[in-house]
Amino acid sequence: MPSTQHPRVQIRVRVIPGASRNQIMGVVDGAYKIKIAAQPVKGKANKALKEFIAKILGVRKSDVQISTGENARIKTVLIEGIDDKSVARILSKT
């Protein structure tokens, strides 16, 4: 019987809020280092992070969720509708 589960992946990110623009800086200590222009006030940086990741990966904003680290710079992000190989390939090119 074929699996009906949709692909999903978790990634670790280190967020640097208040940057001049949204940008992926590479991987440091197993986490994607991502600069976000929004300030960490009232969830603005988290919202911007989810929107940025969704745009880069070509998934819906609702498919990107912060599963841990809501109030920390190191976060675990759950992404639905894409597999880990695709995520690694896309994020390494940006």
Protein backbone atom coordinates (compact mmCIF):
# COMPACT_ATOMS: atom_id res chain seq x y z
CA MET A 1 0.00 0.00 0.00
CA PRO A 2 1.58 3.35 -0.99
CA SER A 3 2.20 5.97 1.65
CA THR A 4 -0.17 8.94 1.67
CA GLN A 5 2.06 11.08 3.86
CA HIS A 6 3.26 14.35 2.45
CA PRO A 7 6.97 15.07 2.60
CA ARG A 8 8.17 17.17 5.50
CA VAL A 9 11.51 18.25 6.85
CA GLN A 10 12.88 19.95 9.95
CA ILE A 11 15.78 22.35 9.75
CA ARG A 12 17.71 24.26 12.39
CA VAL A 13 18.19 27.96 11.80
CA ARG A 14 20.13 30.68 13.56
CA VAL A 15 18.30 33.95 13.02
CA ILE A 16 20.00 37.35 12.96
CA PRO A 17 17.16 39.91 13.15
CA GLY A 18 17.44 43.59 12.23
CA ALA A 19 19.60 42.98 9.14
CA SER A 20 19.59 45.25 6.11
CA ARG A 21 17.85 42.52 4.05
CA ASN A 22 16.68 38.91 4.26
CA GLN A 23 19.54 36.61 3.32
CA ILE A 24 20.81 33.06 3.87
CA MET A 25 24.44 33.21 4.99
CA GLY A 26 25.23 29.48 4.83
CA VAL A 27 25.44 26.70 7.39
CA VAL A 28 27.20 27.15 10.74
CA ASP A 29 27.33 24.33 13.31
CA GLY A 30 24.56 22.42 11.54
CA ALA A 31 22.15 25.37 11.40
CA TYR A 32 21.27 27.62 8.47
CA LYS A 33 22.34 31.15 9.37
CA ILE A 34 19.61 33.50 8.13
CA LYS A 35 19.56 37.29 8.31
CA ILE A 36 16.08 38.80 8.64
CA ALA A 37 15.33 42.50 8.16
CA ALA A 38 12.46 42.56 10.67
CA GLN A 39 13.08 43.35 14.32
CA PRO A 40 12.36 40.73 17.02
CA VAL A 41 9.34 42.65 18.32
CA LYS A 42 5.87 41.09 18.73
CA GLY A 43 6.79 38.11 16.54
CA LYS A 44 7.69 40.22 13.49
CA ALA A 45 11.04 38.48 12.92
CA ASN A 46 9.44 35.02 13.25
CA LYS A 47 6.72 35.94 10.76
CA ALA A 48 9.31 37.34 8.34
CA LEU A 49 11.45 34.20 8.74
CA LYS A 50 8.52 31.92 7.88
CA GLU A 51 7.56 34.06 4.87
CA PHE A 52 11.18 34.18 3.64
CA ILE A 53 11.67 30.41 3.94
CA ALA A 54 8.32 29.74 2.20
CA LYS A 55 9.23 32.07 -0.68
CA ILE A 56 12.71 30.58 -1.16
CA LEU A 57 11.46 26.97 -1.04
CA GLY A 58 8.30 27.58 -3.08
CA VAL A 59 5.88 26.32 -0.43
CA ARG A 60 2.86 27.98 1.17
CA LYS A 61 3.46 30.21 4.19
CA SER A 62 1.12 27.96 6.16
CA ASP A 63 3.49 25.02 5.44
CA VAL A 64 6.30 26.64 7.45
CA GLN A 65 6.08 26.48 11.25
CA ILE A 66 8.54 27.20 14.04
CA SER A 67 8.42 24.07 16.18
CA THR A 68 10.99 25.11 18.81
CA GLY A 69 12.80 28.32 19.69
CA GLU A 70 9.93 30.76 19.19
CA ASN A 71 11.71 33.25 21.51
CA ALA A 72 15.31 32.26 20.72
CA ARG A 73 17.74 32.90 17.90
CA ILE A 74 18.27 29.17 17.33
CA LYS A 75 15.03 27.66 16.03
CA THR A 76 13.76 24.39 14.63
CA VAL A 77 11.56 24.99 11.61
CA LEU A 78 9.15 22.38 10.25
CA ILE A 79 8.43 22.60 6.52
CA GLU A 80 5.62 20.60 4.90
CA GLY A 81 5.38 19.67 1.23
CA ILE A 82 9.08 19.35 0.44
CA ASP A 83 11.75 16.74 1.09
CA ASP A 84 15.12 17.20 2.80
CA LYS A 85 17.17 16.80 -0.39
CA SER A 86 15.22 19.56 -2.13
CA VAL A 87 15.58 21.86 0.89
CA ALA A 88 19.34 21.30 1.04
CA ARG A 89 19.73 21.85 -2.71
CA ILE A 90 17.66 25.06 -2.79
CA LEU A 91 19.12 26.61 0.37
CA SER A 92 22.70 25.87 -0.71
CA LYS A 93 22.13 27.83 -3.95
CA THR A 94 20.85 31.01 -2.28
